[in-house]
Amino acid sequence: MSESDLIAGSKPTNYSANDWFYMKAKCGTVDCATANNAENECCKNKAAVQNLQAVTNNLGSTATQYNDAKMLYNRELLFTVNILAGLVMICYYIYVNQNVFPDPSAAIQKLGSVANSASTQLSALKGVAK
């Protein structure tokens, strides 16, 4: 596969960690900096991997993936900050205006008085019906 195929995107880049055998133990002793090892298959593989990584990094897909991940992170961070700020504002509003909201115990007492009056009405109706 040539560089023009990679840049044009006509052929997908398929490689795995096992393709890079220069990282294995048998290639660890080979010094690729010397001229007599230039034809060694470990050194050829290392050069091919470096070329592949350089071409892949020059493609737009790596930068696009990074920018997409950064955009999603920033959006979620902003959403979280907005939720926390809204929660703080609601708590402050309730604290400042706590006398505006009805007291729950007063509401329960009113419900009790309504129930008592309803029961007296029912008993009065039962007494009239007899």
C-alpha atoms as a PDB file:
ATOM      1  CA  MET A   1       0.000   0.000   0.000  1.00  0.00           C
ATOM      2  CA  SER A   2       1.475   3.347  -0.993  1.00  0.00           C
ATOM      3  CA  GLU A   3       1.334   6.664   0.802  1.00  0.00           C
ATOM      4  CA  SER A   4      -0.990   8.074  -1.838  1.00  0.00           C
ATOM      5  CA  ASP A   5      -3.531   5.322  -1.089  1.00  0.00           C
ATOM      6  CA  LEU A   6      -3.355   6.178   2.623  1.00  0.00           C
ATOM      7  CA  ILE A   7      -3.739   9.914   2.063  1.00  0.00           C
ATOM      8  CA  ALA A   8      -6.533   9.477  -0.463  1.00  0.00           C
ATOM      9  CA  GLY A   9      -8.292   7.146   1.944  1.00  0.00           C
ATOM     10  CA  SER A  10      -8.955   4.561  -0.741  1.00  0.00           C
ATOM     11  CA  LYS A  11      -7.540   1.739   1.393  1.00  0.00           C
ATOM     12  CA  PRO A  12      -8.026   1.520   5.153  1.00  0.00           C
ATOM     13  CA  THR A  13      -5.029   1.216   7.423  1.00  0.00           C
ATOM     14  CA  ASN A  14      -5.079  -2.220   9.042  1.00  0.00           C
ATOM     15  CA  TYR A  15      -2.300  -3.207  11.418  1.00  0.00           C
ATOM     16  CA  SER A  16      -2.042  -4.732  14.837  1.00  0.00           C
ATOM     17  CA  ALA A  17       0.558  -4.880  17.596  1.00  0.00           C
ATOM     18  CA  ASN A  18       1.816  -8.224  16.248  1.00  0.00           C
ATOM     19  CA  ASP A  19       2.779  -6.523  12.977  1.00  0.00           C
ATOM     20  CA  TRP A  20       5.495  -4.609  14.759  1.00  0.00           C
ATOM     21  CA  PHE A  21       7.884  -7.409  15.483  1.00  0.00           C
ATOM     22  CA  TYR A  22      10.840  -5.021  15.954  1.00  0.00           C
ATOM     23  CA  MET A  23       9.499  -4.550  19.493  1.00  0.00           C
ATOM     24  CA  LYS A  24       9.919  -8.241  20.322  1.00  0.00           C
ATOM     25  CA  ALA A  25      12.863  -9.667  22.250  1.00  0.00           C
ATOM     26  CA  LYS A  26      14.834 -10.981  19.268  1.00  0.00           C
ATOM     27  CA  CYS A  27      14.982  -7.515  17.722  1.00  0.00           C
ATOM     28  CA  GLY A  28      15.983  -5.754  20.915  1.00  0.00           C
ATOM     29  CA  THR A  29      19.676  -6.469  20.416  1.00  0.00           C
ATOM     30  CA  VAL A  30      19.830  -5.121  16.843  1.00  0.00           C
ATOM     31  CA  ASP A  31      21.221  -1.588  16.515  1.00  0.00           C
ATOM     32  CA  CYS A  32      19.444   0.010  13.570  1.00  0.00           C
ATOM     33  CA  ALA A  33      21.632   3.105  13.664  1.00  0.00           C
ATOM     34  CA  THR A  34      24.581   1.288  12.080  1.00  0.00           C
ATOM     35  CA  ALA A  35      24.767   1.041   8.306  1.00  0.00           C
ATOM     36  CA  ASN A  36      25.408  -2.726   8.138  1.00  0.00           C
ATOM     37  CA  ASN A  37      22.067  -3.445   9.899  1.00  0.00           C
ATOM     38  CA  ALA A  38      20.023  -1.352   7.449  1.00  0.00           C
ATOM     39  CA  GLU A  39      18.864  -4.498   5.571  1.00  0.00           C
ATOM     40  CA  ASN A  40      17.941  -6.367   8.731  1.00  0.00           C
ATOM     41  CA  GLU A  41      14.223  -7.180   8.727  1.00  0.00           C
ATOM     42  CA  CYS A  42      13.837  -5.753  12.262  1.00  0.00           C
ATOM     43  CA  CYS A  43      15.245  -2.418  11.088  1.00  0.00           C
ATOM     44  CA  LYS A  44      13.101  -2.466   7.930  1.00  0.00           C
ATOM     45  CA  ASN A  45      10.028  -3.134  10.051  1.00  0.00           C
ATOM     46  CA  LYS A  46      10.931  -0.336  12.445  1.00  0.00           C
ATOM     47  CA  ALA A  47      11.373   2.114   9.552  1.00  0.00           C
ATOM     48  CA  ALA A  48       8.056   1.005   8.025  1.00  0.00           C
ATOM     49  CA  VAL A  49       6.254   1.480  11.349  1.00  0.00           C
ATOM     50  CA  GLN A  50       7.759   4.940  11.797  1.00  0.00           C
ATOM     51  CA  ASN A  51       6.661   5.830   8.265  1.00  0.00           C
ATOM     52  CA  LEU A  52       3.165   4.470   8.900  1.00  0.00           C
ATOM     53  CA  GLN A  53       2.863   6.431  12.146  1.00  0.00           C
ATOM     54  CA  ALA A  54       4.053   9.622  10.448  1.00  0.00           C
ATOM     55  CA  VAL A  55       1.541   9.208   7.600  1.00  0.00           C
ATOM     56  CA  THR A  56      -1.278   8.348  10.028  1.00  0.00           C
ATOM     57  CA  ASN A  57      -0.508  11.398  12.144  1.00  0.00           C
ATOM     58  CA  ASN A  58      -0.563  13.605   9.063  1.00  0.00           C
ATOM     59  CA  LEU A  59      -4.019  12.360   8.129  1.00  0.00           C
ATOM     60  CA  GLY A  60      -6.941  14.287   9.490  1.00  0.00           C
ATOM     61  CA  SER A  61      -8.548  11.360  11.312  1.00  0.00           C
ATOM     62  CA  THR A  62      -6.336  11.528  14.393  1.00  0.00           C
ATOM     63  CA  ALA A  63      -6.842  15.254  14.820  1.00  0.00           C
ATOM     64  CA  THR A  64     -10.570  14.862  14.171  1.00  0.00           C
ATOM     65  CA  GLN A  65     -10.915  12.175  16.835  1.00  0.00           C
ATOM     66  CA  TYR A  66      -9.023  14.328  19.318  1.00  0.00           C
ATOM     67  CA  ASN A  67     -11.121  17.401  18.557  1.00  0.00           C
ATOM     68  CA  ASP A  68     -14.361  15.408  18.834  1.00  0.00           C
ATOM     69  CA  ALA A  69     -13.342  13.975  22.204  1.00  0.00           C
ATOM     70  CA  LYS A  70     -12.312  17.423  23.436  1.00  0.00           C
ATOM     71  CA  MET A  71     -15.617  18.931  22.263  1.00  0.00           C
ATOM     72  CA  LEU A  72     -17.652  16.223  24.027  1.00  0.00           C
ATOM     73  CA  TYR A  73     -15.658  16.662  27.226  1.00  0.00           C
ATOM     74  CA  ASN A  74     -16.106  20.437  27.186  1.00  0.00           C
ATOM     75  CA  ARG A  75     -19.844  20.094  26.534  1.00  0.00           C
ATOM     76  CA  GLU A  76     -20.309  17.680  29.443  1.00  0.00           C
ATOM     77  CA  LEU A  77     -18.192  19.879  31.719  1.00  0.00           C
ATOM     78  CA  LEU A  78     -20.294  22.921  30.823  1.00  0.00           C
ATOM     79  CA  PHE A  79     -23.498  20.940  31.416  1.00  0.00           C
ATOM     80  CA  THR A  80     -22.264  19.842  34.858  1.00  0.00           C
ATOM     81  CA  VAL A  81     -21.272  23.388  35.827  1.00  0.00           C
ATOM     82  CA  ASN A  82     -24.677  24.684  34.673  1.00  0.00           C
ATOM     83  CA  ILE A  83     -26.502  22.056  36.741  1.00  0.00           C
ATOM     84  CA  LEU A  84     -24.457  22.897  39.844  1.00  0.00           C
ATOM     85  CA  ALA A  85     -24.946  26.651  39.373  1.00  0.00           C
ATOM     86  CA  GLY A  86     -28.697  26.152  38.930  1.00  0.00           C
ATOM     87  CA  LEU A  87     -28.887  24.018  42.053  1.00  0.00           C
ATOM     88  CA  VAL A  88     -27.043  26.677  44.075  1.00  0.00           C
ATOM     89  CA  MET A  89     -29.370  29.388  42.750  1.00  0.00           C
ATOM     90  CA  ILE A  90     -32.493  27.353  43.609  1.00  0.00           C
ATOM     91  CA  CYS A  91     -31.221  26.705  47.142  1.00  0.00           C
ATOM     92  CA  TYR A  92     -30.477  30.410  47.594  1.00  0.00           C
ATOM     93  CA  TYR A  93     -33.942  31.374  46.277  1.00  0.00           C
ATOM     94  CA  ILE A  94     -35.621  28.974  48.698  1.00  0.00           C
ATOM     95  CA  TYR A  95     -33.503  30.279  51.586  1.00  0.00           C
ATOM     96  CA  VAL A  96     -34.306  33.920  50.822  1.00  0.00           C
ATOM     97  CA  ASN A  97     -38.026  33.320  50.182  1.00  0.00           C
ATOM     98  CA  GLN A  98     -38.704  30.682  52.799  1.00  0.00           C
ATOM     99  CA  ASN A  99     -41.546  32.735  54.331  1.00  0.00           C
ATOM    100  CA  VAL A 100     -43.385  32.693  50.972  1.00  0.00           C
ATOM    101  CA  PHE A 101     -43.682  28.916  50.933  1.00  0.00           C
ATOM    102  CA  PRO A 102     -46.400  27.391  53.160  1.00  0.00           C
ATOM    103  CA  ASP A 103     -45.394  25.578  56.320  1.00  0.00           C
ATOM    104  CA  PRO A 104     -45.920  21.826  55.873  1.00  0.00           C
ATOM    105  CA  SER A 105     -47.151  21.389  59.466  1.00  0.00           C
ATOM    106  CA  ALA A 106     -49.811  24.080  58.934  1.00  0.00           C
ATOM    107  CA  ALA A 107     -50.959  22.300  55.782  1.00  0.00           C
ATOM    108  CA  ILE A 108     -51.263  19.019  57.710  1.00  0.00           C
ATOM    109  CA  GLN A 109     -53.264  20.743  60.461  1.00  0.00           C
ATOM    110  CA  LYS A 110     -55.613  22.246  57.866  1.00  0.00           C
ATOM    111  CA  LEU A 111     -56.105  18.819  56.318  1.00  0.00           C
ATOM    112  CA  GLY A 112     -56.909  17.465  59.794  1.00  0.00           C
ATOM    113  CA  SER A 113     -59.502  20.167  60.387  1.00  0.00           C
ATOM    114  CA  VAL A 114     -61.051  19.493  56.977  1.00  0.00           C
ATOM    115  CA  ALA A 115     -61.243  15.791  57.833  1.00  0.00           C
ATOM    116  CA  ASN A 116     -62.854  16.571  61.204  1.00  0.00           C
ATOM    117  CA  SER A 117     -65.466  18.824  59.648  1.00  0.00           C
ATOM    118  CA  ALA A 118     -66.179  16.212  56.991  1.00  0.00           C
ATOM    119  CA  SER A 119     -66.666  13.557  59.652  1.00  0.00           C
ATOM    120  CA  THR A 120     -69.043  15.805  61.630  1.00  0.00           C
ATOM    121  CA  GLN A 121     -70.990  16.513  58.465  1.00  0.00           C
ATOM    122  CA  LEU A 122     -71.270  12.796  57.757  1.00  0.00           C
ATOM    123  CA  SER A 123     -72.393  12.036  61.288  1.00  0.00           C
ATOM    124  CA  ALA A 124     -74.976  14.819  61.053  1.00  0.00           C
ATOM    125  CA  LEU A 125     -76.240  13.410  57.770  1.00  0.00           C
ATOM    126  CA  LYS A 126     -76.451   9.938  59.283  1.00  0.00           C
ATOM    127  CA  GLY A 127     -78.438  11.326  62.203  1.00  0.00           C
ATOM    128  CA  VAL A 128     -80.904  13.063  59.865  1.00  0.00           C
ATOM    129  CA  ALA A 129     -81.267   9.955  57.719  1.00  0.00           C
ATOM    130  CA  LYS A 130     -82.374   7.830  60.693  1.00  0.00           C
END
